[in-house]
């Protein structure tokens, strides 16, 4: 008997059927969907992030989608703050919070709460000076100080590179070191973690390829061009590096054919799915191969909690 609020998390790689599973769970267990997708948070990045359609959103309330501008920073700590508020809101109405997404870092932060205050060292003047430097130069600087952090950060993500350097220069400890010493807290929730997309890798990759073709047919090229033209995708931001958009830049600039960029996008997405599988494989979640399995595991989880708490 935990006495903790129950939540269900549906995780796994892209194109694994997470959203469909989560929506059906919301339907069958009186739930609301809370997104754990680091790209769907951005406004106007719609097709390339596979945001739920209007029809899908009508099936259940959705949270944490379209909440920040594409050029704004949004961290795992921000997600934890917003997700906890959404969970509290959903629970207050007697509904089941169903968290759904493939951003492992977000789910990790929710499953294993961390005291982010250990990463101090904010220095506005230092940050301003660092931001004046070339992105590649900054990344090389970080790589010399904290290779582990550099390996996890794309060199064009200038703000994250600068943040890691800022932590080191103001605290004397690398970001990797501060991550290790951060205080861990007991999870606030009783969690059922369901994992999709682990049984048939080739089938998953085929779904990825078909999804990209559908995105192109639905206007992904036009969306990317519009985002660039309107200044939504700014160099040095996380959104600028989003898979689904940056692969099309060479076509929009007239440097490559659409076929070449489409294949590049498919490969990048398959590689991302592979990394997601590796990430989620670390967790002691329940691997599911069908919605019926997900439904049965969720029913058993909720009934067990009712029995233990009743």
Protein backbone atom coordinates (compact mmCIF):
# COMPACT_ATOMS: atom_id res chain seq x y z
CA UNK A 1 0.00 0.00 0.00
CA UNK A 2 1.67 3.19 -1.21
CA UNK A 3 -1.04 5.77 -0.76
CA UNK A 4 0.44 7.61 -3.73
CA UNK A 5 -1.58 8.86 -6.70
CA UNK A 6 -1.59 6.43 -9.62
CA UNK A 7 -0.38 7.48 -13.04
CA UNK A 8 0.20 5.53 -16.24
CA UNK A 9 3.14 6.32 -18.52
CA UNK A 10 3.22 5.13 -22.13
CA UNK A 11 6.73 5.38 -23.52
CA UNK A 12 8.81 4.04 -26.38
CA UNK A 13 10.31 4.98 -29.73
CA UNK A 14 8.77 7.18 -32.38
CA UNK A 15 6.10 5.57 -34.60
CA UNK A 16 5.55 2.76 -32.09
CA UNK A 17 1.85 3.48 -31.53
CA UNK A 18 2.24 5.22 -28.16
CA UNK A 19 -0.30 7.95 -28.84
CA UNK A 20 -2.97 5.56 -30.06
CA UNK A 21 -2.45 3.36 -27.00
CA UNK A 22 -2.55 6.33 -24.63
CA UNK A 23 -5.72 7.73 -26.22
CA UNK A 24 -7.49 4.40 -25.93
CA UNK A 25 -6.45 4.14 -22.27
CA UNK A 26 -7.90 7.60 -21.70
CA UNK A 27 -11.13 6.44 -23.31
CA UNK A 28 -11.37 3.20 -21.34
CA UNK A 29 -10.15 4.46 -17.96
CA UNK A 30 -11.52 8.01 -17.82
CA UNK A 31 -8.12 9.58 -18.41
CA UNK A 32 -6.47 12.69 -19.79
CA UNK A 33 -3.29 12.71 -21.83
CA UNK A 34 -0.19 14.59 -20.68
CA UNK A 35 2.45 14.84 -23.39
CA UNK A 36 6.08 13.97 -22.62
CA UNK A 37 7.39 15.02 -26.02
CA UNK A 38 10.15 17.65 -26.12
CA UNK A 39 9.15 18.86 -29.61
CA UNK A 40 5.36 18.92 -29.31
CA UNK A 41 5.73 21.62 -26.66
CA UNK A 42 6.56 24.10 -29.45
CA UNK A 43 3.84 26.14 -31.08
CA UNK A 44 3.43 25.84 -34.86
CA UNK A 45 5.76 22.83 -35.16
CA UNK A 46 2.88 20.55 -36.06
CA UNK A 47 3.42 18.09 -38.90
CA UNK A 48 7.09 17.41 -38.19
CA UNK A 49 6.44 16.62 -34.52
CA UNK A 50 3.46 14.35 -35.26
CA UNK A 51 1.17 16.36 -33.02
CA UNK A 52 -2.26 14.86 -32.39
CA UNK A 53 -4.90 15.98 -34.84
CA UNK A 54 -7.99 17.96 -33.88
CA UNK A 55 -10.02 14.74 -34.02
CA UNK A 56 -7.57 12.97 -31.72
CA UNK A 57 -7.55 15.87 -29.26
CA UNK A 58 -11.34 15.72 -29.19
CA UNK A 59 -11.17 12.16 -27.85
CA UNK A 60 -9.53 13.25 -24.58
CA UNK A 61 -8.12 16.45 -23.08
CA UNK A 62 -4.41 16.96 -23.93
CA UNK A 63 -1.86 18.80 -21.79
CA UNK A 64 1.64 20.25 -22.42
CA UNK A 65 1.25 20.65 -26.19
CA UNK A 66 1.80 24.06 -27.84
CA UNK A 67 2.99 25.71 -24.63
CA UNK A 68 6.19 27.56 -25.65
CA UNK A 69 7.53 29.50 -28.63
CA UNK A 70 10.03 27.62 -30.84
CA UNK A 71 12.91 29.88 -29.84
CA UNK A 72 12.35 29.57 -26.08
CA UNK A 73 14.33 27.32 -23.75
CA UNK A 74 12.50 24.47 -22.07
CA UNK A 75 14.29 22.03 -19.78
CA UNK A 76 13.55 18.73 -18.09
CA UNK A 77 13.08 20.70 -14.87
CA UNK A 78 10.46 22.85 -16.62
CA UNK A 79 8.72 19.70 -17.79
CA UNK A 80 8.64 18.21 -14.28
CA UNK A 81 7.13 21.43 -12.93
CA UNK A 82 4.46 21.58 -15.64
CA UNK A 83 3.76 17.84 -15.65
CA UNK A 84 3.23 17.80 -11.87
CA UNK A 85 0.80 20.70 -12.19
CA UNK A 86 -1.07 18.89 -14.98
CA UNK A 87 -1.16 15.63 -12.99
CA UNK A 88 -2.57 17.47 -9.98
CA UNK A 89 -5.19 19.12 -12.19
CA UNK A 90 -6.23 15.82 -13.77
CA UNK A 91 -6.40 14.03 -10.42
CA UNK A 92 -8.48 16.85 -8.93
CA UNK A 93 -11.23 16.00 -11.38
CA UNK A 94 -11.13 12.30 -10.60
CA UNK A 95 -9.43 11.43 -13.89
CA UNK A 96 -6.45 9.16 -14.63
CA UNK A 97 -3.26 10.95 -15.73
CA UNK A 98 -1.83 9.16 -18.79
CA UNK A 99 1.62 10.49 -19.65
CA UNK A 100 2.64 9.72 -23.21
CA UNK A 101 5.86 10.45 -25.07
CA UNK A 102 9.21 9.34 -26.31
CA UNK A 103 11.45 11.92 -24.64
CA UNK A 104 13.29 9.67 -22.24
CA UNK A 105 14.88 12.55 -20.36
CA UNK A 106 11.45 13.94 -19.47
CA UNK A 107 10.14 10.59 -18.27
CA UNK A 108 13.37 9.96 -16.37
CA UNK A 109 12.99 13.30 -14.58
CA UNK A 110 9.41 12.46 -13.60
CA UNK A 111 10.21 8.88 -12.51
CA UNK A 112 13.32 9.85 -10.56
CA UNK A 113 12.84 13.37 -9.17
CA UNK A 114 16.02 15.41 -8.83
CA UNK A 115 16.99 18.52 -6.94
CA UNK A 116 17.97 20.73 -9.86
CA UNK A 117 19.19 23.42 -7.47
CA UNK A 118 22.54 21.62 -7.39
CA UNK A 119 23.16 23.02 -10.85
CA UNK A 120 23.79 26.56 -9.69
CA UNK A 121 26.25 28.95 -11.15
CA UNK A 122 24.10 31.38 -13.12
CA UNK A 123 26.25 34.29 -14.25
CA UNK A 124 24.57 36.64 -16.71
CA UNK A 125 27.77 38.49 -17.63
CA UNK A 126 29.70 35.27 -18.24
CA UNK A 127 26.85 33.84 -20.26
CA UNK A 128 26.74 36.96 -22.41
CA UNK A 129 30.47 36.72 -23.13
CA UNK A 130 30.27 33.02 -23.98
CA UNK A 131 27.33 33.56 -26.33
CA UNK A 132 29.51 35.89 -28.43
CA UNK A 133 31.81 33.00 -29.34
CA UNK A 134 31.49 30.70 -32.33
CA UNK A 135 29.30 27.62 -31.66
CA UNK A 136 31.92 25.13 -32.79
CA UNK A 137 34.60 26.86 -30.72
CA UNK A 138 32.37 26.67 -27.66
CA UNK A 139 31.66 22.98 -28.20
CA UNK A 140 35.37 22.22 -28.50
CA UNK A 141 35.91 24.15 -25.26
CA UNK A 142 33.26 22.04 -23.53
CA UNK A 143 34.67 18.86 -25.01
CA UNK A 144 38.03 19.65 -23.43
CA UNK A 145 36.43 20.27 -20.02
CA UNK A 146 33.54 17.82 -19.93
CA UNK A 147 33.64 15.27 -22.79
CA UNK A 148 30.61 13.40 -21.46
CA UNK A 149 28.43 16.52 -21.54
CA UNK A 150 29.76 17.48 -24.97
CA UNK A 151 28.90 14.05 -26.33
CA UNK A 152 25.27 14.53 -25.25
CA UNK A 153 24.96 18.06 -26.67
CA UNK A 154 24.86 19.04 -30.34
CA UNK A 155 27.37 21.79 -31.05
CA UNK A 156 24.69 23.93 -32.69
CA UNK A 157 22.68 23.87 -29.46
CA UNK A 158 24.64 26.86 -28.30
CA UNK A 159 22.55 27.64 -25.24
CA UNK A 160 23.05 24.20 -23.70
CA UNK A 161 26.76 24.25 -24.46
CA UNK A 162 27.04 27.66 -22.83
CA UNK A 163 25.04 26.49 -19.81
CA UNK A 164 27.41 23.54 -19.29
CA UNK A 165 30.43 25.86 -19.52
CA UNK A 166 28.76 28.34 -17.19
CA UNK A 167 28.28 25.66 -14.54
CA UNK A 168 31.95 24.72 -14.73
CA UNK A 169 33.37 28.24 -14.67
CA UNK A 170 31.20 29.35 -11.75
CA UNK A 171 31.25 26.22 -9.57
CA UNK A 172 34.49 24.47 -10.49
CA UNK A 173 32.53 21.28 -11.19
CA UNK A 174 31.53 19.94 -14.57
CA UNK A 175 27.89 19.48 -15.50
CA UNK A 176 28.49 15.73 -15.50
CA UNK A 177 29.78 15.93 -11.91
CA UNK A 178 26.87 18.06 -10.72
CA UNK A 179 24.41 15.68 -12.36
CA UNK A 180 25.87 12.83 -10.31
CA UNK A 181 25.73 14.64 -6.98
CA UNK A 182 22.23 16.02 -7.35
CA UNK A 183 19.93 14.86 -4.60
CA UNK A 184 17.40 12.23 -5.62
CA UNK A 185 13.92 12.23 -4.13
CA UNK A 186 11.38 9.49 -3.59
CA UNK A 187 8.90 9.44 -6.49
CA UNK A 188 5.59 11.10 -5.72
CA UNK A 189 3.48 8.68 -7.75
CA UNK A 190 2.70 5.02 -8.09
CA UNK A 191 3.59 4.40 -11.72
CA UNK A 192 2.67 1.85 -14.34
CA UNK A 193 5.20 2.17 -17.18
CA UNK A 194 4.05 0.66 -20.46
CA UNK A 195 6.62 0.39 -23.27
CA UNK A 196 5.67 0.15 -26.94
CA UNK A 197 7.70 -0.80 -30.02
CA UNK A 198 10.10 -3.38 -28.63
CA UNK A 199 9.04 -6.58 -30.38
CA UNK A 200 9.60 -6.09 -34.12
CA UNK A 201 12.38 -3.67 -35.09
CA UNK A 202 11.83 -4.04 -38.85
CA UNK A 203 8.12 -3.37 -38.47
CA UNK A 204 8.92 -0.26 -36.45
CA UNK A 205 11.35 1.02 -39.09
CA UNK A 206 8.73 0.42 -41.78
CA UNK A 207 6.25 2.48 -39.76
CA UNK A 208 8.86 5.24 -39.49
CA UNK A 209 9.34 5.29 -43.27
CA UNK A 210 5.62 5.37 -43.94
CA UNK A 211 5.12 8.11 -41.36
CA UNK A 212 7.71 10.30 -43.07
CA UNK A 213 6.01 9.78 -46.45
CA UNK A 214 2.69 10.80 -44.90
CA UNK A 215 4.26 13.89 -43.32
CA UNK A 216 5.68 14.96 -46.69
CA UNK A 217 2.29 14.39 -48.34
CA UNK A 218 0.59 16.40 -45.58
CA UNK A 219 2.76 19.46 -46.18
CA UNK A 220 5.90 19.07 -44.06
CA UNK A 221 8.06 20.84 -46.65
CA UNK A 222 5.71 23.79 -46.75
CA UNK A 223 5.53 23.90 -42.94
CA UNK A 224 9.32 23.89 -42.68
CA UNK A 225 9.66 26.70 -45.23
CA UNK A 226 7.03 28.74 -43.42
CA UNK A 227 8.72 28.28 -40.03
CA UNK A 228 12.06 29.39 -41.49
CA UNK A 229 10.55 32.36 -43.32
CA UNK A 230 8.66 33.55 -40.24
CA UNK A 231 11.72 33.26 -37.98
CA UNK A 232 10.26 30.52 -35.81
CA UNK A 233 13.27 28.28 -36.36
CA UNK A 234 16.31 30.20 -35.16
CA UNK A 235 19.86 28.87 -35.31
CA UNK A 236 21.22 27.80 -31.94
CA UNK A 237 17.85 26.76 -30.54
CA UNK A 238 16.61 23.27 -29.74
CA UNK A 239 13.70 23.56 -32.18
CA UNK A 240 16.11 24.38 -35.03
CA UNK A 241 17.72 20.97 -34.51
CA UNK A 242 14.42 19.08 -34.42
CA UNK A 243 14.36 15.89 -36.47
CA UNK A 244 11.76 16.42 -39.16
CA UNK A 245 12.82 19.93 -40.05
CA UNK A 246 16.59 20.28 -40.27
CA UNK A 247 16.81 17.40 -42.75
CA UNK A 248 14.71 19.45 -45.20
CA UNK A 249 16.78 22.63 -44.98
CA UNK A 250 19.09 21.59 -47.87
CA UNK A 251 16.06 21.10 -50.16
CA UNK A 252 14.56 24.44 -49.21
CA UNK A 253 17.94 26.08 -49.89
CA UNK A 254 18.14 24.38 -53.27
CA UNK A 255 21.17 22.29 -52.30
CA UNK A 256 19.64 18.80 -52.50
CA UNK A 257 16.63 17.09 -54.04
CA UNK A 258 13.48 16.35 -52.08
CA UNK A 259 14.12 12.62 -52.51
CA UNK A 260 17.60 12.94 -50.97
CA UNK A 261 16.29 14.94 -48.02
CA UNK A 262 13.36 12.58 -47.50
CA UNK A 263 15.70 9.60 -47.30
CA UNK A 264 17.94 11.56 -44.95
CA UNK A 265 14.91 12.26 -42.75
CA UNK A 266 13.89 8.60 -42.72
CA UNK A 267 17.39 7.54 -41.71
CA UNK A 268 17.61 10.19 -38.98
CA UNK A 269 14.24 9.12 -37.60
CA UNK A 270 15.18 5.43 -37.63
CA UNK A 271 18.42 6.27 -35.82
CA UNK A 272 16.46 8.26 -33.25
CA UNK A 273 14.05 5.37 -32.73
CA UNK A 274 17.03 3.08 -32.14
CA UNK A 275 18.40 5.46 -29.50
CA UNK A 276 14.99 5.63 -27.84
CA UNK A 277 14.80 1.84 -27.66
CA UNK A 278 18.22 1.78 -26.01
CA UNK A 279 17.13 4.43 -23.49
CA UNK A 280 13.86 2.79 -22.51
CA UNK A 281 15.46 -0.67 -22.33
CA UNK A 282 17.05 0.44 -19.06
CA UNK A 283 13.69 0.61 -17.34
CA UNK A 284 11.73 -2.12 -15.64
CA UNK A 285 8.61 -1.32 -17.60
CA UNK A 286 5.98 -3.62 -19.10
CA UNK A 287 6.66 -4.24 -22.80
CA UNK A 288 3.38 -4.48 -24.66
CA UNK A 289 2.65 -5.74 -28.15
CA UNK A 290 -1.03 -4.81 -28.46
CA UNK A 291 -3.62 -2.52 -26.99
CA UNK A 292 -5.35 -5.45 -25.32
CA UNK A 293 -2.17 -6.09 -23.33
CA UNK A 294 -1.95 -2.43 -22.34
CA UNK A 295 -5.59 -2.41 -21.28
CA UNK A 296 -5.24 -5.57 -19.19
CA UNK A 297 -2.06 -4.33 -17.45
CA UNK A 298 -3.70 -0.99 -16.70
CA UNK A 299 -6.85 -2.59 -15.32
CA UNK A 300 -4.80 -4.90 -13.08
CA UNK A 301 -2.67 -1.97 -11.89
CA UNK A 302 -5.65 0.19 -10.96
CA UNK A 303 -7.59 -2.67 -9.36
CA UNK A 304 -4.55 -3.61 -7.30
CA UNK A 305 -4.25 -0.06 -6.07
CA UNK A 306 -7.95 0.06 -5.21
CA UNK A 307 -7.64 -3.21 -3.27
CA UNK A 308 -4.51 -2.15 -1.39
CA UNK A 309 -5.87 1.29 -0.56
CA UNK A 310 -9.43 0.24 0.03
